[in-house]
């Protein structure tokens, strides 16, 4: 018998490794770890959720019990994965179709729930994630602004620059010149300032 645990704030491969290590340290046999969820080879009745919550909280994660909270976290995880995919996927994807397919839910339901819970739209979260990815690529200094725009599905470098400045208050070139000191953790995007809502 296996149980799937849903975990908030898992946004990268390192997060997956840390969560696996935390659960294995509790003696839980981990079968599979994905962004936002872990499958353990135990029936739910044998899992000490209070102990799991405590261990995860110490590493910055949170166990999600509520179905709606799980769905919100799945939306965020799907968007983060999309933004970090190879550019050919971003160029050809329609966000609403992508989320409806990945989550097997009607987009209208996802959008309504997300906005009501988070206080801003799915589209806004997607834009914030894309801008954070632009920041990351600017700091790496391996791609031109034109290449970054193409990779992230912007129609032009000017479109990227306008959106970047609207969100950050900085031009991409100025951001790059200051060394990327204003980057955000992926799991905090959308929560940091009222202007982002």
C-alpha atoms as a PDB file:
ATOM      1  CA  UNK A   1       0.000   0.000   0.000  1.00  0.00           C
ATOM      2  CA  UNK A   2       1.335   3.417  -0.940  1.00  0.00           C
ATOM      3  CA  UNK A   3       0.403   6.924   0.148  1.00  0.00           C
ATOM      4  CA  UNK A   4       1.006  10.171  -1.704  1.00  0.00           C
ATOM      5  CA  UNK A   5       1.917  13.186   0.397  1.00  0.00           C
ATOM      6  CA  UNK A   6       1.517  16.650  -1.106  1.00  0.00           C
ATOM      7  CA  UNK A   7       4.177  19.135  -0.123  1.00  0.00           C
ATOM      8  CA  UNK A   8       4.261  22.912  -0.532  1.00  0.00           C
ATOM      9  CA  UNK A   9       7.375  24.863  -1.618  1.00  0.00           C
ATOM     10  CA  UNK A  10       9.049  22.065  -3.595  1.00  0.00           C
ATOM     11  CA  UNK A  11      10.304  23.989  -6.625  1.00  0.00           C
ATOM     12  CA  UNK A  12      13.539  22.333  -7.725  1.00  0.00           C
ATOM     13  CA  UNK A  13      15.582  19.154  -7.834  1.00  0.00           C
ATOM     14  CA  UNK A  14      17.394  20.111  -4.649  1.00  0.00           C
ATOM     15  CA  UNK A  15      14.022  20.417  -2.887  1.00  0.00           C
ATOM     16  CA  UNK A  16      13.166  16.896  -4.019  1.00  0.00           C
ATOM     17  CA  UNK A  17      16.433  15.578  -2.580  1.00  0.00           C
ATOM     18  CA  UNK A  18      15.955  17.366   0.762  1.00  0.00           C
ATOM     19  CA  UNK A  19      12.375  16.105   1.142  1.00  0.00           C
ATOM     20  CA  UNK A  20      13.471  12.548   0.333  1.00  0.00           C
ATOM     21  CA  UNK A  21      16.257  12.782   2.928  1.00  0.00           C
ATOM     22  CA  UNK A  22      13.900  14.196   5.586  1.00  0.00           C
ATOM     23  CA  UNK A  23      11.342  11.423   5.099  1.00  0.00           C
ATOM     24  CA  UNK A  24      13.944   8.665   4.935  1.00  0.00           C
ATOM     25  CA  UNK A  25      15.452  10.017   8.180  1.00  0.00           C
ATOM     26  CA  UNK A  26      12.023   9.395   9.719  1.00  0.00           C
ATOM     27  CA  UNK A  27      12.229   5.784   8.536  1.00  0.00           C
ATOM     28  CA  UNK A  28       9.718   6.221   5.731  1.00  0.00           C
ATOM     29  CA  UNK A  29      10.359   4.169   2.568  1.00  0.00           C
ATOM     30  CA  UNK A  30      10.164   6.718  -0.255  1.00  0.00           C
ATOM     31  CA  UNK A  31       9.034   5.238  -3.581  1.00  0.00           C
ATOM     32  CA  UNK A  32       8.959   8.360  -5.732  1.00  0.00           C
ATOM     33  CA  UNK A  33       9.571  12.098  -5.409  1.00  0.00           C
ATOM     34  CA  UNK A  34       8.175  14.682  -7.819  1.00  0.00           C
ATOM     35  CA  UNK A  35       7.837  18.417  -7.481  1.00  0.00           C
ATOM     36  CA  UNK A  36       5.041  18.944  -4.987  1.00  0.00           C
ATOM     37  CA  UNK A  37       4.484  15.319  -4.026  1.00  0.00           C
ATOM     38  CA  UNK A  38       6.118  12.235  -2.557  1.00  0.00           C
ATOM     39  CA  UNK A  39       4.919   8.645  -2.650  1.00  0.00           C
ATOM     40  CA  UNK A  40       5.839   6.475   0.328  1.00  0.00           C
ATOM     41  CA  UNK A  41       5.435   2.709   0.625  1.00  0.00           C
ATOM     42  CA  UNK A  42       3.211   2.894   3.699  1.00  0.00           C
ATOM     43  CA  UNK A  43      -0.540   2.993   4.264  1.00  0.00           C
ATOM     44  CA  UNK A  44      -1.761   6.424   5.353  1.00  0.00           C
ATOM     45  CA  UNK A  45      -2.733   5.102   8.807  1.00  0.00           C
ATOM     46  CA  UNK A  46       0.934   4.280   9.560  1.00  0.00           C
ATOM     47  CA  UNK A  47       2.190   7.799   8.817  1.00  0.00           C
ATOM     48  CA  UNK A  48       2.732  10.132  11.761  1.00  0.00           C
ATOM     49  CA  UNK A  49       1.695  13.331   9.984  1.00  0.00           C
ATOM     50  CA  UNK A  50       2.598  15.548  12.953  1.00  0.00           C
ATOM     51  CA  UNK A  51       6.163  14.215  12.820  1.00  0.00           C
ATOM     52  CA  UNK A  52       6.294  14.625   9.032  1.00  0.00           C
ATOM     53  CA  UNK A  53       4.974  18.220   9.285  1.00  0.00           C
ATOM     54  CA  UNK A  54       7.599  19.091  11.895  1.00  0.00           C
ATOM     55  CA  UNK A  55      10.484  17.614   9.880  1.00  0.00           C
ATOM     56  CA  UNK A  56       9.377  19.283   6.650  1.00  0.00           C
ATOM     57  CA  UNK A  57       8.771  22.660   8.310  1.00  0.00           C
ATOM     58  CA  UNK A  58      12.387  22.722   9.557  1.00  0.00           C
ATOM     59  CA  UNK A  59      13.539  22.586   5.930  1.00  0.00           C
ATOM     60  CA  UNK A  60      11.057  25.203   4.666  1.00  0.00           C
ATOM     61  CA  UNK A  61       8.390  22.821   3.348  1.00  0.00           C
ATOM     62  CA  UNK A  62       4.798  22.279   4.365  1.00  0.00           C
ATOM     63  CA  UNK A  63       2.555  19.232   4.247  1.00  0.00           C
ATOM     64  CA  UNK A  64      -0.699  19.982   2.424  1.00  0.00           C
ATOM     65  CA  UNK A  65      -3.857  18.207   3.552  1.00  0.00           C
ATOM     66  CA  UNK A  66      -6.568  20.308   1.920  1.00  0.00           C
ATOM     67  CA  UNK A  67      -7.611  19.346  -1.642  1.00  0.00           C
ATOM     68  CA  UNK A  68      -7.833  22.975  -2.809  1.00  0.00           C
ATOM     69  CA  UNK A  69      -4.390  23.805  -1.392  1.00  0.00           C
ATOM     70  CA  UNK A  70      -2.988  20.750  -3.203  1.00  0.00           C
ATOM     71  CA  UNK A  71      -4.529  21.931  -6.462  1.00  0.00           C
ATOM     72  CA  UNK A  72      -3.069  25.446  -6.031  1.00  0.00           C
ATOM     73  CA  UNK A  73       0.366  23.929  -5.403  1.00  0.00           C
ATOM     74  CA  UNK A  74      -0.020  21.698  -8.477  1.00  0.00           C
ATOM     75  CA  UNK A  75      -0.850  24.770 -10.594  1.00  0.00           C
ATOM     76  CA  UNK A  76       2.256  26.564  -9.321  1.00  0.00           C
ATOM     77  CA  UNK A  77       4.453  23.508  -9.869  1.00  0.00           C
ATOM     78  CA  UNK A  78       3.146  23.022 -13.427  1.00  0.00           C
ATOM     79  CA  UNK A  79       3.880  26.675 -14.252  1.00  0.00           C
ATOM     80  CA  UNK A  80       7.384  26.532 -12.744  1.00  0.00           C
ATOM     81  CA  UNK A  81       8.111  23.367 -14.744  1.00  0.00           C
ATOM     82  CA  UNK A  82       6.769  25.000 -17.911  1.00  0.00           C
ATOM     83  CA  UNK A  83       8.931  28.106 -17.497  1.00  0.00           C
ATOM     84  CA  UNK A  84      12.031  25.957 -17.026  1.00  0.00           C
ATOM     85  CA  UNK A  85      11.300  23.707 -20.039  1.00  0.00           C
ATOM     86  CA  UNK A  86      13.220  23.902 -23.296  1.00  0.00           C
ATOM     87  CA  UNK A  87      12.127  26.903 -25.377  1.00  0.00           C
ATOM     88  CA  UNK A  88      10.267  24.875 -28.004  1.00  0.00           C
ATOM     89  CA  UNK A  89       7.552  24.050 -25.455  1.00  0.00           C
ATOM     90  CA  UNK A  90       7.071  27.650 -24.330  1.00  0.00           C
ATOM     91  CA  UNK A  91       6.782  28.833 -27.911  1.00  0.00           C
ATOM     92  CA  UNK A  92       3.984  26.461 -28.764  1.00  0.00           C
ATOM     93  CA  UNK A  93       1.989  26.329 -25.534  1.00  0.00           C
ATOM     94  CA  UNK A  94      -1.266  27.992 -24.609  1.00  0.00           C
ATOM     95  CA  UNK A  95      -1.158  28.349 -20.802  1.00  0.00           C
ATOM     96  CA  UNK A  96      -4.826  27.556 -20.221  1.00  0.00           C
ATOM     97  CA  UNK A  97      -4.734  24.458 -22.452  1.00  0.00           C
ATOM     98  CA  UNK A  98      -1.460  23.325 -20.867  1.00  0.00           C
ATOM     99  CA  UNK A  99      -2.782  23.571 -17.295  1.00  0.00           C
ATOM    100  CA  UNK A 100      -6.115  21.958 -18.171  1.00  0.00           C
ATOM    101  CA  UNK A 101      -4.284  19.031 -19.758  1.00  0.00           C
ATOM    102  CA  UNK A 102      -1.620  18.591 -17.070  1.00  0.00           C
ATOM    103  CA  UNK A 103      -4.058  18.883 -14.160  1.00  0.00           C
ATOM    104  CA  UNK A 104      -7.039  17.246 -15.874  1.00  0.00           C
ATOM    105  CA  UNK A 105      -9.326  20.071 -14.758  1.00  0.00           C
ATOM    106  CA  UNK A 106     -11.259  22.767 -16.589  1.00  0.00           C
ATOM    107  CA  UNK A 107      -9.159  25.921 -16.817  1.00  0.00           C
ATOM    108  CA  UNK A 108     -12.025  28.138 -15.638  1.00  0.00           C
ATOM    109  CA  UNK A 109     -12.192  26.151 -12.362  1.00  0.00           C
ATOM    110  CA  UNK A 110      -8.401  26.359 -11.917  1.00  0.00           C
ATOM    111  CA  UNK A 111      -8.362  30.080 -12.663  1.00  0.00           C
ATOM    112  CA  UNK A 112     -11.229  30.900 -10.320  1.00  0.00           C
ATOM    113  CA  UNK A 113      -9.772  28.866  -7.447  1.00  0.00           C
ATOM    114  CA  UNK A 114      -6.274  30.292  -7.934  1.00  0.00           C
ATOM    115  CA  UNK A 115      -7.448  33.921  -8.019  1.00  0.00           C
ATOM    116  CA  UNK A 116      -9.714  33.484  -5.000  1.00  0.00           C
ATOM    117  CA  UNK A 117      -6.974  31.785  -2.973  1.00  0.00           C
ATOM    118  CA  UNK A 118      -3.871  33.703  -4.015  1.00  0.00           C
ATOM    119  CA  UNK A 119      -5.327  37.158  -4.659  1.00  0.00           C
ATOM    120  CA  UNK A 120      -3.914  37.403  -8.194  1.00  0.00           C
ATOM    121  CA  UNK A 121      -4.408  35.513 -11.440  1.00  0.00           C
ATOM    122  CA  UNK A 122      -2.705  32.445 -12.846  1.00  0.00           C
ATOM    123  CA  UNK A 123      -1.520  34.601 -15.733  1.00  0.00           C
ATOM    124  CA  UNK A 124       0.101  37.033 -13.284  1.00  0.00           C
ATOM    125  CA  UNK A 125       1.898  34.147 -11.553  1.00  0.00           C
ATOM    126  CA  UNK A 126       3.074  32.882 -14.966  1.00  0.00           C
ATOM    127  CA  UNK A 127       4.435  36.326 -15.873  1.00  0.00           C
ATOM    128  CA  UNK A 128       6.192  36.639 -12.501  1.00  0.00           C
ATOM    129  CA  UNK A 129       7.798  33.218 -13.003  1.00  0.00           C
ATOM    130  CA  UNK A 130       8.924  34.166 -16.517  1.00  0.00           C
ATOM    131  CA  UNK A 131      10.442  37.417 -15.251  1.00  0.00           C
ATOM    132  CA  UNK A 132      12.284  35.516 -12.521  1.00  0.00           C
ATOM    133  CA  UNK A 133      13.609  33.129 -15.174  1.00  0.00           C
ATOM    134  CA  UNK A 134      14.747  36.138 -17.236  1.00  0.00           C
ATOM    135  CA  UNK A 135      16.628  37.396 -14.161  1.00  0.00           C
ATOM    136  CA  UNK A 136      18.321  34.019 -13.805  1.00  0.00           C
ATOM    137  CA  UNK A 137      19.361  33.936 -17.464  1.00  0.00           C
ATOM    138  CA  UNK A 138      20.617  37.530 -17.323  1.00  0.00           C
ATOM    139  CA  UNK A 139      22.808  36.716 -14.326  1.00  0.00           C
ATOM    140  CA  UNK A 140      24.244  33.650 -16.100  1.00  0.00           C
ATOM    141  CA  UNK A 141      25.271  36.008 -18.945  1.00  0.00           C
ATOM    142  CA  UNK A 142      25.314  33.191 -21.521  1.00  0.00           C
ATOM    143  CA  UNK A 143      22.474  34.409 -23.761  1.00  0.00           C
ATOM    144  CA  UNK A 144      21.654  37.718 -25.406  1.00  0.00           C
ATOM    145  CA  UNK A 145      18.372  39.452 -24.591  1.00  0.00           C
ATOM    146  CA  UNK A 146      17.078  38.374 -28.010  1.00  0.00           C
ATOM    147  CA  UNK A 147      17.920  34.720 -27.234  1.00  0.00           C
ATOM    148  CA  UNK A 148      16.283  34.978 -23.802  1.00  0.00           C
ATOM    149  CA  UNK A 149      13.159  36.505 -25.356  1.00  0.00           C
ATOM    150  CA  UNK A 150      12.982  33.652 -27.866  1.00  0.00           C
ATOM    151  CA  UNK A 151      13.606  30.996 -25.214  1.00  0.00           C
ATOM    152  CA  UNK A 152      10.795  32.294 -22.999  1.00  0.00           C
ATOM    153  CA  UNK A 153       8.245  32.795 -25.765  1.00  0.00           C
ATOM    154  CA  UNK A 154       8.235  36.600 -25.919  1.00  0.00           C
ATOM    155  CA  UNK A 155       7.345  38.108 -29.285  1.00  0.00           C
ATOM    156  CA  UNK A 156      10.429  40.354 -29.203  1.00  0.00           C
ATOM    157  CA  UNK A 157      13.214  41.640 -26.926  1.00  0.00           C
ATOM    158  CA  UNK A 158      11.215  44.875 -26.622  1.00  0.00           C
ATOM    159  CA  UNK A 159       8.179  42.952 -25.307  1.00  0.00           C
ATOM    160  CA  UNK A 160      10.392  41.174 -22.776  1.00  0.00           C
ATOM    161  CA  UNK A 161      12.032  44.482 -21.729  1.00  0.00           C
ATOM    162  CA  UNK A 162       8.681  46.217 -21.271  1.00  0.00           C
ATOM    163  CA  UNK A 163       7.265  43.409 -19.154  1.00  0.00           C
ATOM    164  CA  UNK A 164      10.503  43.111 -17.148  1.00  0.00           C
ATOM    165  CA  UNK A 165      10.527  46.850 -16.374  1.00  0.00           C
ATOM    166  CA  UNK A 166       6.830  46.840 -15.491  1.00  0.00           C
ATOM    167  CA  UNK A 167       7.379  44.034 -12.956  1.00  0.00           C
ATOM    168  CA  UNK A 168      10.794  44.940 -11.526  1.00  0.00           C
ATOM    169  CA  UNK A 169      11.039  48.680 -12.148  1.00  0.00           C
ATOM    170  CA  UNK A 170      14.406  48.017 -13.831  1.00  0.00           C
ATOM    171  CA  UNK A 171      15.519  47.506 -17.396  1.00  0.00           C
ATOM    172  CA  UNK A 172      17.103  44.112 -18.136  1.00  0.00           C
ATOM    173  CA  UNK A 173      20.448  45.793 -18.889  1.00  0.00           C
ATOM    174  CA  UNK A 174      20.436  47.686 -15.575  1.00  0.00           C
ATOM    175  CA  UNK A 175      19.440  44.537 -13.688  1.00  0.00           C
ATOM    176  CA  UNK A 176      22.324  42.710 -15.342  1.00  0.00           C
ATOM    177  CA  UNK A 177      24.758  45.538 -14.470  1.00  0.00           C
ATOM    178  CA  UNK A 178      23.903  45.366 -10.752  1.00  0.00           C
ATOM    179  CA  UNK A 179      24.603  41.635 -10.717  1.00  0.00           C
ATOM    180  CA  UNK A 180      21.130  40.285 -10.156  1.00  0.00           C
ATOM    181  CA  UNK A 181      20.857  41.296  -6.507  1.00  0.00           C
ATOM    182  CA  UNK A 182      17.053  41.477  -6.682  1.00  0.00           C
ATOM    183  CA  UNK A 183      16.214  37.846  -7.403  1.00  0.00           C
ATOM    184  CA  UNK A 184      13.443  35.999  -5.578  1.00  0.00           C
ATOM    185  CA  UNK A 185      13.039  32.430  -4.395  1.00  0.00           C
ATOM    186  CA  UNK A 186      10.619  30.629  -6.733  1.00  0.00           C
ATOM    187  CA  UNK A 187       8.310  29.612  -3.900  1.00  0.00           C
ATOM    188  CA  UNK A 188       8.007  33.252  -2.750  1.00  0.00           C
ATOM    189  CA  UNK A 189       7.059  34.768  -6.110  1.00  0.00           C
ATOM    190  CA  UNK A 190       3.724  36.513  -5.888  1.00  0.00           C
ATOM    191  CA  UNK A 191       3.912  36.885  -2.098  1.00  0.00           C
ATOM    192  CA  UNK A 192       6.674  39.448  -1.780  1.00  0.00           C
ATOM    193  CA  UNK A 193       4.976  42.753  -2.476  1.00  0.00           C
ATOM    194  CA  UNK A 194       1.508  44.151  -2.966  1.00  0.00           C
ATOM    195  CA  UNK A 195       2.565  45.658  -6.308  1.00  0.00           C
ATOM    196  CA  UNK A 196       2.896  42.149  -7.695  1.00  0.00           C
ATOM    197  CA  UNK A 197      -0.814  41.420  -7.285  1.00  0.00           C
END
